[in-house]
Amino acid sequence: MDTTAHTLTTLFDQLGLPSQDSAIEQFIAAHKPLGDDLNLLEAEFWSDGQRAFLQESLAEDSDWAEVVDQLDSLLRA
């Protein structure tokens, strides 16, 4: 059983993105703000695999859903 705490760092690792704090901050700065009418999953910067992981995480309300929601909020701030 996976007991790893899910954080932005582990989410970025899971998505295959650089996960250092500075890299996460740069990613958010480069891609925000998402428009209110744009679903996180529709953003053009996701690969198909990343989009599928995010979609599955939210659809199944998995352990990842909370941190995916956190990323969504950060991209809209």
Protein backbone atom coordinates (compact mmCIF):
# COMPACT_ATOMS: atom_id res chain seq x y z
CA MET A 1 0.00 0.00 0.00
CA ASP A 2 1.25 3.47 -0.92
CA THR A 3 1.46 5.63 2.20
CA THR A 4 3.36 8.50 0.59
CA ALA A 5 2.01 11.91 1.48
CA HIS A 6 0.68 13.54 -1.65
CA THR A 7 2.07 17.04 -2.04
CA LEU A 8 2.72 19.34 -4.98
CA THR A 9 6.24 17.89 -5.10
CA THR A 10 5.01 14.30 -5.37
CA LEU A 11 2.31 15.35 -7.86
CA PHE A 12 4.90 16.94 -10.11
CA ASP A 13 7.04 13.80 -9.76
CA GLN A 14 4.03 11.70 -10.75
CA LEU A 15 3.41 13.94 -13.76
CA GLY A 16 7.05 13.64 -14.83
CA LEU A 17 7.71 17.33 -14.27
CA PRO A 18 10.60 18.95 -12.39
CA SER A 19 9.55 18.96 -8.76
CA GLN A 20 11.92 21.32 -6.99
CA ASP A 21 10.10 24.20 -5.28
CA SER A 22 11.55 26.70 -7.74
CA ALA A 23 10.47 24.56 -10.73
CA ILE A 24 6.92 24.27 -9.37
CA GLU A 25 6.79 28.04 -8.84
CA GLN A 26 8.06 28.61 -12.39
CA PHE A 27 5.48 26.18 -13.82
CA ILE A 28 2.65 27.95 -12.01
CA ALA A 29 3.91 31.40 -13.01
CA ALA A 30 4.24 30.34 -16.64
CA HIS A 31 0.74 28.85 -16.89
CA LYS A 32 -1.43 31.09 -14.77
CA PRO A 33 -3.96 32.44 -14.72
CA LEU A 34 -6.31 29.81 -16.08
CA GLY A 35 -9.54 31.36 -17.18
CA ASP A 36 -12.59 30.74 -15.03
CA ASP A 37 -14.26 29.01 -17.96
CA LEU A 38 -11.30 26.66 -18.60
CA ASN A 39 -11.30 23.27 -16.90
CA LEU A 40 -7.87 22.30 -15.58
CA LEU A 41 -7.96 19.19 -17.75
CA GLU A 42 -8.53 21.28 -20.89
CA ALA A 43 -5.35 23.31 -20.44
CA GLU A 44 -3.13 22.92 -23.47
CA PHE A 45 0.09 22.40 -21.54
CA TRP A 46 -0.71 18.84 -20.37
CA SER A 47 0.48 15.81 -22.27
CA ASP A 48 -2.10 13.10 -22.94
CA GLY A 49 -0.64 10.96 -20.13
CA GLN A 50 -0.63 13.83 -17.65
CA ARG A 51 -4.20 14.74 -18.55
CA ALA A 52 -5.32 11.13 -18.13
CA PHE A 53 -3.70 10.90 -14.69
CA LEU A 54 -5.30 14.16 -13.54
CA GLN A 55 -8.69 13.15 -14.93
CA GLU A 56 -8.55 9.73 -13.25
CA SER A 57 -7.45 11.29 -9.95
CA LEU A 58 -10.42 13.64 -9.92
CA ALA A 59 -13.00 11.22 -11.32
CA GLU A 60 -12.17 8.55 -8.75
CA ASP A 61 -11.73 11.10 -5.94
CA SER A 62 -8.41 9.39 -5.31
CA ASP A 63 -5.79 10.33 -2.75
CA TRP A 64 -4.37 12.66 -5.40
CA ALA A 65 -7.59 14.66 -5.85
CA GLU A 66 -6.87 17.13 -3.03
CA VAL A 67 -3.43 18.09 -4.34
CA VAL A 68 -4.77 18.28 -7.93
CA ASP A 69 -7.40 20.72 -6.62
CA GLN A 70 -4.62 22.65 -4.87
CA LEU A 71 -2.72 22.95 -8.16
CA ASP A 72 -5.90 24.07 -9.90
CA SER A 73 -6.37 26.80 -7.30
CA LEU A 74 -2.76 27.96 -7.60
CA LEU A 75 -3.10 28.20 -11.37
CA ARG A 76 -6.14 30.45 -10.95
CA ALA A 77 -4.76 32.77 -8.24
